[in-house]
Amino acid sequence: MKEFFSLLSKIQRNQFSPLYLLSGTESFFIDATLKVLMEKLSNDKSNDFDLSVFYGKEAKAIQILECAKRYPMLSKYNTVVLKDAQLINTNELDVITSYAQKPNLQTILIICYKNKIFDKRKKLFKAIEKNGDLLLAKPIYENKLNSWIQRQAEILDIEISPLATELLATYVGSNLGNLDQELKKLKIIVTVGDVVTEEHIEKHIGISKEYNSFELQKAIGIGNFSKAFQIIQFLNRNTKDHPLVLVLSNLYNYFKKLLLLKGVTSDPKILGINPFFISEYSAAAKRLNMRQISLAMDHIMEADLKSKGINTNNITYKQTMEELLIKLFTL
């Protein structure tokens, strides 16, 4: 993520490179970088003359290079974009290597290579590394997700509460494109100057502020069986919005954070916990010992296996969660 913001900063300052290779498994970073480049480099008056866009399956290296070697007519730069480069024949990409070793400085060639990291052993990679800019777009770690949401909200000029952030991270997940869309939707809906709260999330995104995975882990952490039981009944009636695999994954990560808090560090940044919630985690960590936390993680893993039909007959969502809840309250 640091590499992404560093590259965006250079582009915003009009510090362009003749070559860009944007590759990786997190498409959001690739799309966002391309969007900023296009906003800087293209305009309606010159696009017909100084912008060429190619698409992987249909693209031929000879056509790309023919455009890349041209000089701009109306703009400062001639811009050439290759989208879905992961679909192009490998031999075609290899042909571009000789150009990348000595690029036209009045052309900006942008290669978007999605769903995997471009092979670093390739001569093309090394040529662009030497003469251009690289972006290796990897999914962000779970403990960085809340801070990404907060930062993206700032970029969109939205103020969002810690609980609303937690709900988005928990239920929308780590798909940054989906998170970005939800934040943009909230920007349209919420009055300028208002803070996005859990009420906004419940009303406009459809996540209950009282009955969700976050509130379930909180109830388990403080030992409130009655509340936890009510929540799993609600989750069971709304399995489409609360898939079992997501609920179990969130619970497992919750106890993993408790284990780290108990035995390794209390630094919220390392733990991936918003400082606003650190007191809740600390209270739960104080209530449970290391053995109980480890045992809880084992029970959750066992429930996950059972839900997938491993070592058991068919078991329902309700049975899985109720059985797990009893085990978590009798550690």
Protein backbone atom coordinates (compact mmCIF):
# COMPACT_ATOMS: atom_id res chain seq x y z
CA MET A 1 0.00 0.00 0.00
CA LYS A 2 2.91 2.34 0.72
CA GLU A 3 4.25 1.70 -2.79
CA PHE A 4 0.82 2.55 -4.25
CA PHE A 5 0.52 5.91 -2.47
CA SER A 6 4.14 6.76 -3.30
CA LEU A 7 3.47 6.17 -7.01
CA LEU A 8 0.25 8.19 -6.90
CA SER A 9 2.12 11.05 -5.25
CA LYS A 10 4.68 11.11 -8.09
CA ILE A 11 1.93 11.13 -10.71
CA GLN A 12 0.06 13.92 -8.93
CA ARG A 13 3.28 15.98 -9.03
CA ASN A 14 3.49 15.34 -12.81
CA GLN A 15 6.63 13.25 -12.38
CA PHE A 16 5.86 10.80 -15.18
CA SER A 17 7.85 7.80 -16.37
CA PRO A 18 7.95 6.58 -19.98
CA LEU A 19 6.98 3.08 -18.81
CA TYR A 20 4.56 1.72 -16.22
CA LEU A 21 4.02 -1.93 -15.35
CA LEU A 22 1.03 -2.29 -13.03
CA SER A 23 0.71 -5.93 -12.02
CA GLY A 24 -0.68 -8.01 -9.18
CA THR A 25 -3.67 -9.68 -7.57
CA GLU A 26 -5.35 -6.56 -6.14
CA SER A 27 -7.08 -4.99 -9.14
CA PHE A 28 -8.17 -1.91 -7.18
CA PHE A 29 -4.62 -0.54 -7.01
CA ILE A 30 -4.07 -1.14 -10.73
CA ASP A 31 -7.37 0.49 -11.73
CA ALA A 32 -6.85 3.44 -9.37
CA THR A 33 -3.33 4.10 -10.69
CA LEU A 34 -4.51 3.92 -14.31
CA LYS A 35 -7.41 6.26 -13.51
CA VAL A 36 -5.10 8.90 -12.05
CA LEU A 37 -2.71 8.58 -15.00
CA MET A 38 -5.57 9.00 -17.47
CA GLU A 39 -6.89 12.04 -15.60
CA LYS A 40 -3.44 13.61 -15.91
CA LEU A 41 -2.54 12.56 -19.44
CA SER A 42 -5.70 12.46 -21.54
CA ASN A 43 -8.23 15.03 -22.68
CA ASP A 44 -11.08 15.05 -25.18
CA LYS A 45 -9.32 17.34 -27.64
CA SER A 46 -6.20 15.22 -28.08
CA ASN A 47 -7.37 11.65 -27.37
CA ASP A 48 -8.06 10.90 -31.04
CA PHE A 49 -4.42 11.68 -31.86
CA ASP A 50 -2.40 10.97 -28.71
CA LEU A 51 -4.13 8.10 -26.93
CA SER A 52 -4.10 4.44 -28.00
CA VAL A 53 -5.71 1.64 -25.96
CA PHE A 54 -5.10 -2.08 -26.58
CA TYR A 55 -6.69 -5.12 -24.95
CA GLY A 56 -4.82 -8.33 -24.11
CA LYS A 57 -6.37 -11.00 -26.30
CA GLU A 58 -6.60 -8.80 -29.36
CA ALA A 59 -3.32 -6.91 -28.92
CA LYS A 60 -0.30 -7.40 -31.16
CA ALA A 61 3.11 -6.20 -30.05
CA ILE A 62 3.93 -4.75 -33.44
CA GLN A 63 0.84 -2.48 -33.26
CA ILE A 64 1.63 -1.41 -29.70
CA LEU A 65 5.21 -0.54 -30.63
CA GLU A 66 4.12 1.30 -33.75
CA CYS A 67 1.98 3.58 -31.56
CA ALA A 68 4.61 3.85 -28.82
CA LYS A 69 7.27 5.08 -31.28
CA ARG A 70 5.04 7.92 -32.50
CA TYR A 71 5.46 11.46 -31.23
CA PRO A 72 2.54 13.42 -29.71
CA MET A 73 0.58 15.79 -31.93
CA LEU A 74 -1.50 17.91 -29.54
CA SER A 75 -0.47 16.75 -26.06
CA LYS A 76 2.82 16.80 -24.23
CA TYR A 77 2.85 12.98 -24.25
CA ASN A 78 1.69 10.23 -26.56
CA THR A 79 -0.11 7.74 -24.25
CA VAL A 80 -0.35 4.02 -25.01
CA VAL A 81 -2.29 1.70 -22.69
CA LEU A 82 -2.26 -2.11 -22.76
CA LYS A 83 -5.11 -3.48 -20.64
CA ASP A 84 -5.49 -7.14 -19.57
CA ALA A 85 -1.87 -7.78 -20.51
CA GLN A 86 -2.05 -11.10 -18.66
CA LEU A 87 -4.13 -12.41 -21.59
CA ILE A 88 -1.63 -11.52 -24.31
CA ASN A 89 0.63 -14.17 -25.76
CA THR A 90 3.92 -14.30 -23.81
CA ASN A 91 5.91 -14.01 -27.03
CA GLU A 92 4.10 -10.76 -27.83
CA LEU A 93 5.13 -9.29 -24.49
CA ASP A 94 8.72 -10.35 -25.07
CA VAL A 95 8.76 -8.30 -28.28
CA ILE A 96 8.09 -5.15 -26.24
CA THR A 97 11.32 -5.72 -24.27
CA SER A 98 13.60 -4.11 -26.84
CA TYR A 99 11.44 -0.97 -26.81
CA ALA A 100 11.40 -0.88 -22.99
CA GLN A 101 15.21 -0.96 -22.96
CA LYS A 102 15.26 2.34 -24.86
CA PRO A 103 11.78 3.92 -24.68
CA ASN A 104 10.54 7.00 -26.49
CA LEU A 105 10.63 9.70 -23.80
CA GLN A 106 7.65 11.50 -25.35
CA THR A 107 5.48 8.39 -25.02
CA ILE A 108 4.04 6.92 -21.84
CA LEU A 109 3.38 3.19 -22.18
CA ILE A 110 1.18 1.73 -19.44
CA ILE A 111 0.89 -2.06 -19.09
CA CYS A 112 -1.89 -3.39 -16.82
CA TYR A 113 -1.26 -7.01 -15.86
CA LYS A 114 -3.96 -8.29 -13.50
CA ASN A 115 -4.60 -11.32 -11.28
CA LYS A 116 -0.93 -12.21 -10.78
CA ILE A 117 2.47 -10.63 -10.29
CA PHE A 118 4.45 -10.21 -13.51
CA ASP A 119 7.41 -12.62 -13.67
CA LYS A 120 10.36 -10.70 -12.22
CA ARG A 121 12.81 -12.89 -14.14
CA LYS A 122 11.57 -11.59 -17.50
CA LYS A 123 13.73 -9.11 -19.39
CA LEU A 124 10.69 -6.86 -19.83
CA PHE A 125 10.26 -6.59 -16.05
CA LYS A 126 13.94 -5.69 -15.60
CA ALA A 127 13.83 -3.13 -18.40
CA ILE A 128 10.80 -1.37 -16.91
CA GLU A 129 12.34 -1.57 -13.44
CA LYS A 130 15.36 0.29 -14.85
CA ASN A 131 13.61 2.81 -17.11
CA GLY A 132 10.13 3.20 -15.65
CA ASP A 133 7.89 2.60 -12.64
CA LEU A 134 6.56 -0.67 -11.24
CA LEU A 135 3.53 -1.36 -9.09
CA LEU A 136 3.22 -4.79 -7.51
CA ALA A 137 -0.39 -4.74 -6.34
CA LYS A 138 -0.90 -7.23 -3.52
CA PRO A 139 -3.99 -7.63 -1.29
CA ILE A 140 -3.61 -5.73 1.96
CA TYR A 141 -3.30 -7.63 5.21
CA GLU A 142 -6.38 -7.94 7.40
CA ASN A 143 -4.78 -5.86 10.16
CA LYS A 144 -4.35 -2.99 7.66
CA LEU A 145 -7.93 -3.04 6.34
CA ASN A 146 -9.46 -0.61 8.85
CA SER A 147 -6.70 1.94 8.27
CA TRP A 148 -7.20 1.59 4.49
CA ILE A 149 -10.94 2.31 4.91
CA GLN A 150 -10.16 5.36 7.04
CA ARG A 151 -7.62 6.66 4.53
CA GLN A 152 -9.91 6.06 1.55
CA ALA A 153 -12.71 7.85 3.41
CA GLU A 154 -10.37 10.83 3.91
CA ILE A 155 -9.55 10.85 0.19
CA LEU A 156 -13.30 10.94 -0.54
CA ASP A 157 -13.74 13.65 2.11
CA ILE A 158 -15.85 11.42 4.37
CA GLU A 159 -15.59 11.19 8.14
CA ILE A 160 -16.44 7.69 9.35
CA SER A 161 -16.75 6.40 12.91
CA PRO A 162 -14.57 3.51 14.21
CA LEU A 163 -17.59 1.20 14.59
CA ALA A 164 -18.83 1.96 11.08
CA THR A 165 -15.32 1.22 9.81
CA GLU A 166 -15.27 -2.09 11.67
CA LEU A 167 -18.66 -3.09 10.26
CA LEU A 168 -17.54 -2.33 6.70
CA ALA A 169 -14.29 -4.26 7.14
CA THR A 170 -16.10 -7.23 8.65
CA TYR A 171 -18.95 -7.55 6.18
CA VAL A 172 -17.73 -6.12 2.91
CA GLY A 173 -14.37 -7.82 3.42
CA SER A 174 -11.01 -7.18 1.81
CA ASN A 175 -12.28 -6.58 -1.73
CA LEU A 176 -11.04 -2.99 -2.04
CA GLY A 177 -13.13 -2.32 -5.13
CA ASN A 178 -16.33 -3.21 -3.26
CA LEU A 179 -15.27 -1.18 -0.23
CA ASP A 180 -14.54 1.82 -2.42
CA GLN A 181 -17.98 1.54 -4.04
CA GLU A 182 -19.71 1.40 -0.64
CA LEU A 183 -17.79 4.47 0.54
CA LYS A 184 -18.71 6.37 -2.63
CA LYS A 185 -22.35 5.40 -2.08
CA LEU A 186 -22.18 6.72 1.49
CA LYS A 187 -20.62 9.96 0.25
CA ILE A 188 -23.67 10.55 -1.96
CA ILE A 189 -26.15 9.65 0.76
CA VAL A 190 -24.68 11.26 3.88
CA THR A 191 -25.04 15.01 4.39
CA VAL A 192 -21.79 16.94 3.97
CA GLY A 193 -20.15 17.41 7.37
CA ASP A 194 -21.96 14.48 9.01
CA VAL A 195 -20.01 11.51 10.40
CA VAL A 196 -20.82 8.12 8.86
CA THR A 197 -22.07 5.99 11.75
CA GLU A 198 -23.26 2.44 12.28
CA GLU A 199 -26.82 3.73 11.69
CA HIS A 200 -25.83 4.76 8.14
CA ILE A 201 -24.24 1.34 7.57
CA GLU A 202 -27.37 -0.44 8.81
CA LYS A 203 -29.76 1.67 6.75
CA HIS A 204 -27.86 1.99 3.47
CA ILE A 205 -25.63 -1.08 3.31
CA GLY A 206 -27.93 -3.50 5.11
CA ILE A 207 -25.76 -4.57 8.04
CA SER A 208 -27.49 -4.68 11.43
CA LYS A 209 -25.67 -2.55 14.00
CA GLU A 210 -26.83 -4.83 16.84
CA TYR A 211 -26.72 -8.31 15.32
CA ASN A 212 -23.49 -8.93 13.44
CA SER A 213 -20.15 -10.72 13.79
CA PHE A 214 -18.54 -7.76 15.51
CA GLU A 215 -21.24 -7.65 18.21
CA LEU A 216 -21.10 -11.45 18.51
CA GLN A 217 -17.37 -11.45 19.27
CA LYS A 218 -17.89 -8.56 21.69
CA ALA A 219 -20.61 -10.50 23.57
CA ILE A 220 -18.41 -13.60 23.72
CA GLY A 221 -15.44 -11.51 24.88
CA ILE A 222 -17.31 -10.05 27.87
CA GLY A 223 -19.06 -13.36 28.64
CA ASN A 224 -22.63 -12.29 27.77
CA PHE A 225 -24.18 -15.63 26.72
CA SER A 226 -27.72 -14.28 26.39
CA LYS A 227 -26.67 -11.55 23.92
CA ALA A 228 -24.43 -13.93 21.96
CA PHE A 229 -27.27 -16.46 21.68
CA GLN A 230 -29.67 -13.78 20.38
CA ILE A 231 -27.13 -12.74 17.77
CA ILE A 232 -26.56 -16.24 16.39
CA GLN A 233 -30.33 -16.71 16.07
CA PHE A 234 -30.44 -13.54 13.96
CA LEU A 235 -27.44 -14.64 11.87
CA ASN A 236 -29.12 -18.01 11.30
CA ARG A 237 -32.23 -16.26 9.91
CA ASN A 238 -30.07 -14.10 7.62
CA THR A 239 -27.49 -16.53 6.27
CA LYS A 240 -27.25 -14.76 2.90
CA ASP A 241 -25.90 -11.61 4.57
CA HIS A 242 -23.98 -13.55 7.22
CA PRO A 243 -22.41 -16.64 5.60
CA LEU A 244 -21.11 -19.14 8.12
CA VAL A 245 -17.60 -19.17 6.66
CA LEU A 246 -17.35 -15.38 7.21
CA VAL A 247 -18.73 -15.53 10.76
CA LEU A 248 -16.30 -18.30 11.74
CA SER A 249 -13.38 -16.53 10.05
CA ASN A 250 -14.11 -13.30 11.95
CA LEU A 251 -14.38 -15.19 15.25
CA TYR A 252 -11.09 -16.98 14.63
CA ASN A 253 -9.33 -13.71 13.83
CA TYR A 254 -10.82 -12.16 16.95
CA PHE A 255 -9.33 -14.83 19.20
CA LYS A 256 -6.05 -14.68 17.29
CA LYS A 257 -5.84 -10.97 18.15
CA LEU A 258 -6.61 -11.76 21.79
CA LEU A 259 -3.77 -14.29 21.79
CA LEU A 260 -1.35 -11.74 20.36
CA LEU A 261 -2.58 -9.08 22.79
CA LYS A 262 -2.15 -11.49 25.69
CA GLY A 263 1.32 -12.75 24.85
CA VAL A 264 3.06 -10.58 22.25
CA THR A 265 2.10 -6.91 22.00
CA SER A 266 -0.49 -4.31 22.98
CA ASP A 267 0.28 -2.07 20.00
CA PRO A 268 -3.08 -1.52 18.18
CA LYS A 269 -1.31 -0.97 14.83
CA ILE A 270 0.46 -4.33 14.95
CA LEU A 271 -2.71 -6.06 16.14
CA GLY A 272 -4.85 -4.42 13.48
CA ILE A 273 -7.26 -3.07 16.11
CA ASN A 274 -8.64 0.44 16.02
CA PRO A 275 -7.44 2.17 19.23
CA PHE A 276 -11.11 3.00 19.90
CA PHE A 277 -11.76 -0.73 20.57
CA ILE A 278 -8.54 -1.68 22.35
CA SER A 279 -10.18 -1.48 25.79
CA GLU A 280 -12.81 -4.05 24.72
CA TYR A 281 -10.11 -6.44 23.50
CA SER A 282 -8.08 -5.86 26.67
CA ALA A 283 -11.07 -6.70 28.87
CA ALA A 284 -11.65 -9.95 26.95
CA ALA A 285 -7.94 -10.83 27.08
CA LYS A 286 -7.97 -10.24 30.83
CA ARG A 287 -11.02 -12.48 31.30
CA LEU A 288 -9.51 -15.41 29.36
CA ASN A 289 -6.17 -17.13 29.84
CA MET A 290 -3.86 -18.31 27.05
CA ARG A 291 -5.07 -21.90 27.24
CA GLN A 292 -8.73 -20.84 26.94
CA ILE A 293 -8.01 -18.60 23.94
CA SER A 294 -6.06 -21.38 22.17
CA LEU A 295 -8.84 -23.84 22.91
CA ALA A 296 -11.42 -21.40 21.52
CA MET A 297 -9.44 -21.21 18.28
CA ASP A 298 -9.38 -25.00 18.09
CA HIS A 299 -13.16 -25.15 18.58
CA ILE A 300 -13.71 -22.60 15.81
CA MET A 301 -11.48 -24.55 13.41
CA GLU A 302 -13.39 -27.73 14.29
CA ALA A 303 -16.72 -25.95 13.62
CA ASP A 304 -15.39 -24.78 10.26
CA LEU A 305 -14.48 -28.35 9.27
CA LYS A 306 -17.88 -29.62 10.37
CA SER A 307 -19.66 -26.91 8.39
CA LYS A 308 -17.84 -28.22 5.30
CA GLY A 309 -18.99 -31.80 6.00
CA ILE A 310 -15.59 -33.07 7.17
CA ASN A 311 -15.70 -35.80 9.84
CA THR A 312 -19.45 -35.36 10.35
CA ASN A 313 -22.86 -35.83 8.78
CA ASN A 314 -24.78 -32.84 7.43
CA ILE A 315 -24.98 -30.16 10.10
CA THR A 316 -26.99 -26.95 9.88
CA TYR A 317 -25.83 -23.38 10.37
CA LYS A 318 -27.90 -23.20 13.58
CA GLN A 319 -26.48 -26.45 14.99
CA THR A 320 -22.91 -25.43 14.18
CA MET A 321 -23.18 -22.04 15.87
CA GLU A 322 -25.13 -23.19 18.92
CA GLU A 323 -22.72 -26.05 19.54
CA LEU A 324 -19.76 -23.71 19.11
CA LEU A 325 -21.25 -21.09 21.41
CA ILE A 326 -21.69 -23.61 24.24
CA LYS A 327 -18.04 -24.68 23.85
CA LEU A 328 -16.83 -21.06 23.88
CA PHE A 329 -18.71 -20.36 27.10
CA THR A 330 -17.45 -23.51 28.83
CA LEU A 331 -13.73 -23.20 28.10
